[in-house]
Protein backbone atom coordinates (compact mmCIF):
# COMPACT_ATOMS: atom_id res chain seq x y z
CA MET A 1 96.22 -67.53 -205.31
CA PRO A 2 92.56 -68.13 -205.57
CA SER A 3 91.19 -70.80 -203.01
CA GLU A 4 90.00 -74.26 -204.46
CA PRO A 5 86.30 -73.32 -204.56
CA GLU A 6 87.17 -70.15 -206.55
CA LEU A 7 89.01 -72.18 -209.16
CA VAL A 8 87.11 -73.84 -212.00
CA PRO A 9 88.39 -76.87 -214.03
CA VAL A 10 88.88 -76.26 -217.92
CA GLY A 11 90.64 -79.41 -218.70
CA ARG A 12 93.44 -82.06 -217.88
CA VAL A 13 96.95 -82.45 -218.88
CA GLY A 14 96.88 -85.29 -221.53
CA ARG A 15 99.33 -87.17 -223.71
CA PRO A 16 102.43 -85.49 -224.72
CA HIS A 17 102.80 -83.93 -228.17
CA GLY A 18 106.22 -83.38 -229.62
CA LEU A 19 109.37 -83.17 -227.40
CA ASP A 20 109.11 -79.54 -226.11
CA GLY A 21 106.73 -80.41 -223.14
CA SER A 22 103.63 -79.53 -225.09
CA PHE A 23 100.53 -81.73 -224.41
CA PHE A 24 96.95 -82.18 -225.58
CA VAL A 25 94.24 -80.93 -223.32
CA GLU A 26 91.71 -83.67 -222.22
CA GLY A 27 88.15 -82.57 -221.75
CA PRO A 28 88.95 -78.99 -222.90
CA SER A 29 86.80 -75.93 -222.01
CA GLU A 30 84.80 -74.93 -225.01
CA ARG A 31 85.83 -71.17 -224.68
CA ALA A 32 88.02 -70.20 -227.65
CA ASP A 33 90.25 -68.35 -225.36
CA ALA A 34 90.79 -70.77 -222.55
CA PHE A 35 94.17 -71.91 -223.66
CA ALA A 36 95.44 -68.72 -225.67
CA THR A 37 99.24 -67.96 -225.26
CA GLY A 38 99.81 -65.76 -222.15
CA THR A 39 96.55 -67.14 -220.47
CA VAL A 40 97.30 -68.18 -216.89
CA VAL A 41 95.87 -71.53 -215.66
CA TYR A 42 96.24 -73.15 -212.27
CA VAL A 43 97.85 -76.82 -211.81
CA ARG A 44 97.67 -78.01 -208.33
CA GLY A 45 97.33 -74.25 -206.94
CA GLU A 46 100.35 -73.10 -208.92
CA ALA A 47 99.65 -70.45 -211.37
CA LEU A 48 101.43 -71.27 -214.70
CA LYS A 49 101.25 -69.33 -218.05
CA VAL A 50 100.58 -70.92 -221.36
CA VAL A 51 103.59 -70.21 -223.38
CA ALA A 52 102.40 -71.90 -226.76
CA SER A 53 99.00 -72.85 -227.83
CA LYS A 54 97.94 -74.56 -231.12
CA ARG A 55 95.20 -76.87 -232.39
CA GLY A 56 96.11 -80.63 -232.73
CA SER A 57 94.30 -83.70 -234.19
CA GLN A 58 90.48 -83.37 -234.11
CA ASN A 59 91.00 -79.72 -233.45
CA ARG A 60 91.98 -80.43 -229.77
CA PRO A 61 94.04 -77.81 -228.08
CA VAL A 62 97.86 -78.59 -227.77
CA ILE A 63 99.52 -76.22 -224.99
CA ARG A 64 102.95 -75.86 -223.49
CA LEU A 65 103.18 -74.22 -219.91
CA GLU A 66 106.10 -72.32 -218.66
CA ARG A 67 107.18 -75.55 -216.94
CA ARG A 68 106.25 -79.32 -217.24
CA VAL A 69 103.41 -80.77 -215.20
CA GLU A 70 102.37 -84.32 -214.50
CA ARG A 71 99.99 -86.08 -216.98
CA GLY A 72 96.41 -86.07 -215.66
CA SER A 73 96.58 -82.98 -213.60
CA GLU A 74 93.56 -80.60 -213.69
CA LEU A 75 93.88 -77.24 -215.32
CA ALA A 76 91.82 -74.66 -213.70
CA VAL A 77 91.09 -70.92 -213.88
CA PRO A 78 89.52 -68.38 -211.39
CA ARG A 79 85.70 -68.41 -211.44
CA ALA A 80 85.64 -64.62 -211.76
CA SER A 81 87.60 -65.05 -215.06
CA LEU A 82 84.60 -66.83 -216.72
CA PRO A 83 82.59 -64.61 -219.16
CA PRO A 84 78.88 -64.14 -217.87
CA LEU A 85 76.14 -66.32 -219.37
CA ALA A 86 72.75 -65.66 -220.58
CA ASP A 87 69.84 -66.48 -218.12
CA ASP A 88 69.15 -70.02 -219.73
CA GLU A 89 72.77 -70.91 -219.80
CA TYR A 90 75.08 -72.60 -217.18
CA TYR A 91 78.55 -74.03 -216.77
CA ALA A 92 78.94 -77.79 -216.29
CA PHE A 93 80.59 -77.28 -212.92
CA GLN A 94 77.54 -75.50 -211.68
CA LEU A 95 75.50 -78.64 -211.98
CA VAL A 96 77.60 -80.70 -209.53
CA GLY A 97 75.82 -81.09 -206.40
CA LEU A 98 72.33 -80.27 -207.68
CA THR A 99 69.43 -82.62 -206.72
CA VAL A 100 67.97 -84.42 -209.72
CA GLU A 101 64.37 -85.17 -209.53
CA GLU A 102 61.54 -86.40 -211.89
CA GLU A 103 58.76 -84.09 -212.95
CA ASP A 104 56.50 -85.89 -210.33
CA GLY A 105 59.21 -84.64 -207.68
CA ARG A 106 60.56 -87.99 -207.04
CA VAL A 107 64.21 -87.39 -206.22
CA VAL A 108 66.67 -89.64 -208.04
CA GLY A 109 69.94 -88.43 -206.51
CA ARG A 110 72.41 -85.55 -206.73
CA VAL A 111 74.96 -84.78 -209.55
CA ARG A 112 78.53 -86.20 -208.48
CA GLU A 113 80.04 -85.35 -211.80
CA VAL A 114 79.52 -84.06 -215.33
CA LEU A 115 81.28 -86.21 -217.85
CA ASP A 116 82.09 -84.89 -221.35
CA TYR A 117 81.46 -87.54 -224.27
CA PRO A 118 81.45 -86.79 -227.71
CA ALA A 119 77.76 -87.10 -228.41
CA ASN A 120 76.79 -85.29 -225.22
CA ASP A 121 77.57 -84.55 -221.53
CA VAL A 122 76.32 -87.14 -219.08
CA LEU A 123 75.27 -86.55 -215.35
CA GLU A 124 76.64 -88.99 -212.89
CA LEU A 125 74.65 -89.12 -209.76
CA ASP A 126 75.41 -90.17 -206.36
CA SER A 127 72.68 -92.89 -206.70
CA GLY A 128 74.70 -94.66 -209.45
CA LEU A 129 72.62 -93.49 -212.40
CA SER A 130 74.10 -91.83 -215.39
CA LEU A 131 71.76 -89.67 -217.34
CA PRO A 132 72.29 -87.96 -220.79
CA LEU A 133 72.33 -83.95 -220.68
CA VAL A 134 70.05 -83.97 -223.68
CA GLU A 135 66.57 -82.23 -224.04
CA ALA A 136 64.70 -85.62 -224.10
CA CYS A 137 66.04 -86.35 -220.68
CA VAL A 138 66.63 -82.96 -218.97
CA ARG A 139 63.44 -80.87 -218.83
CA LYS A 140 64.90 -77.89 -216.62
CA VAL A 141 67.93 -76.90 -215.09
CA ASP A 142 67.41 -74.51 -211.93
CA VAL A 143 71.09 -73.71 -210.85
CA ASP A 144 69.63 -71.08 -208.46
CA GLY A 145 67.15 -73.54 -207.16
CA GLY A 146 69.55 -76.27 -206.72
CA ARG A 147 67.71 -78.65 -208.93
CA ILE A 148 67.36 -80.44 -212.26
CA VAL A 149 64.02 -81.80 -213.45
CA ILE A 150 64.16 -84.76 -215.74
CA ALA A 151 61.55 -86.57 -217.87
CA PRO A 152 59.82 -89.70 -216.18
CA GLY A 153 61.48 -93.08 -217.25
CA PHE A 154 64.97 -92.24 -217.59
CA ALA A 155 65.76 -93.08 -213.87
CA ASP A 156 63.74 -96.36 -214.25
CA SER A 157 65.57 -97.42 -217.35
CA GLN A 158 68.95 -98.13 -215.65
């Protein structure tokens, strides 16, 4: 079994769908194959196979695992199973822990969590700030350098 740092969240167990143990996936990965039938996901460290998969209302994934799991449980996959990205792309989980600073170098906090909202993702910082992950706010994401550069004024407007 992969260790916790090697596992990457791809969603959470949501509300039930039907009576057979199927459920909606909350905050699902955008990868088309993330919840395909036969895929293995980890729930609380246990590898479980997806035995049924379809799209529900609002095109959200509805899956059934080989055994029932508790609602709210995190669904994860091994980091090594993720497809490689282009140089200017990143996964949301890679942003957690990065330092956020304004263009003048003033540090405003570290990313505590990346929240998935309908309009755009939101960076929750350890300083209490919430910043939209949009071009107008985020000027540069430097995963290798451990920082995110934001436009001036966004940290002050909260």
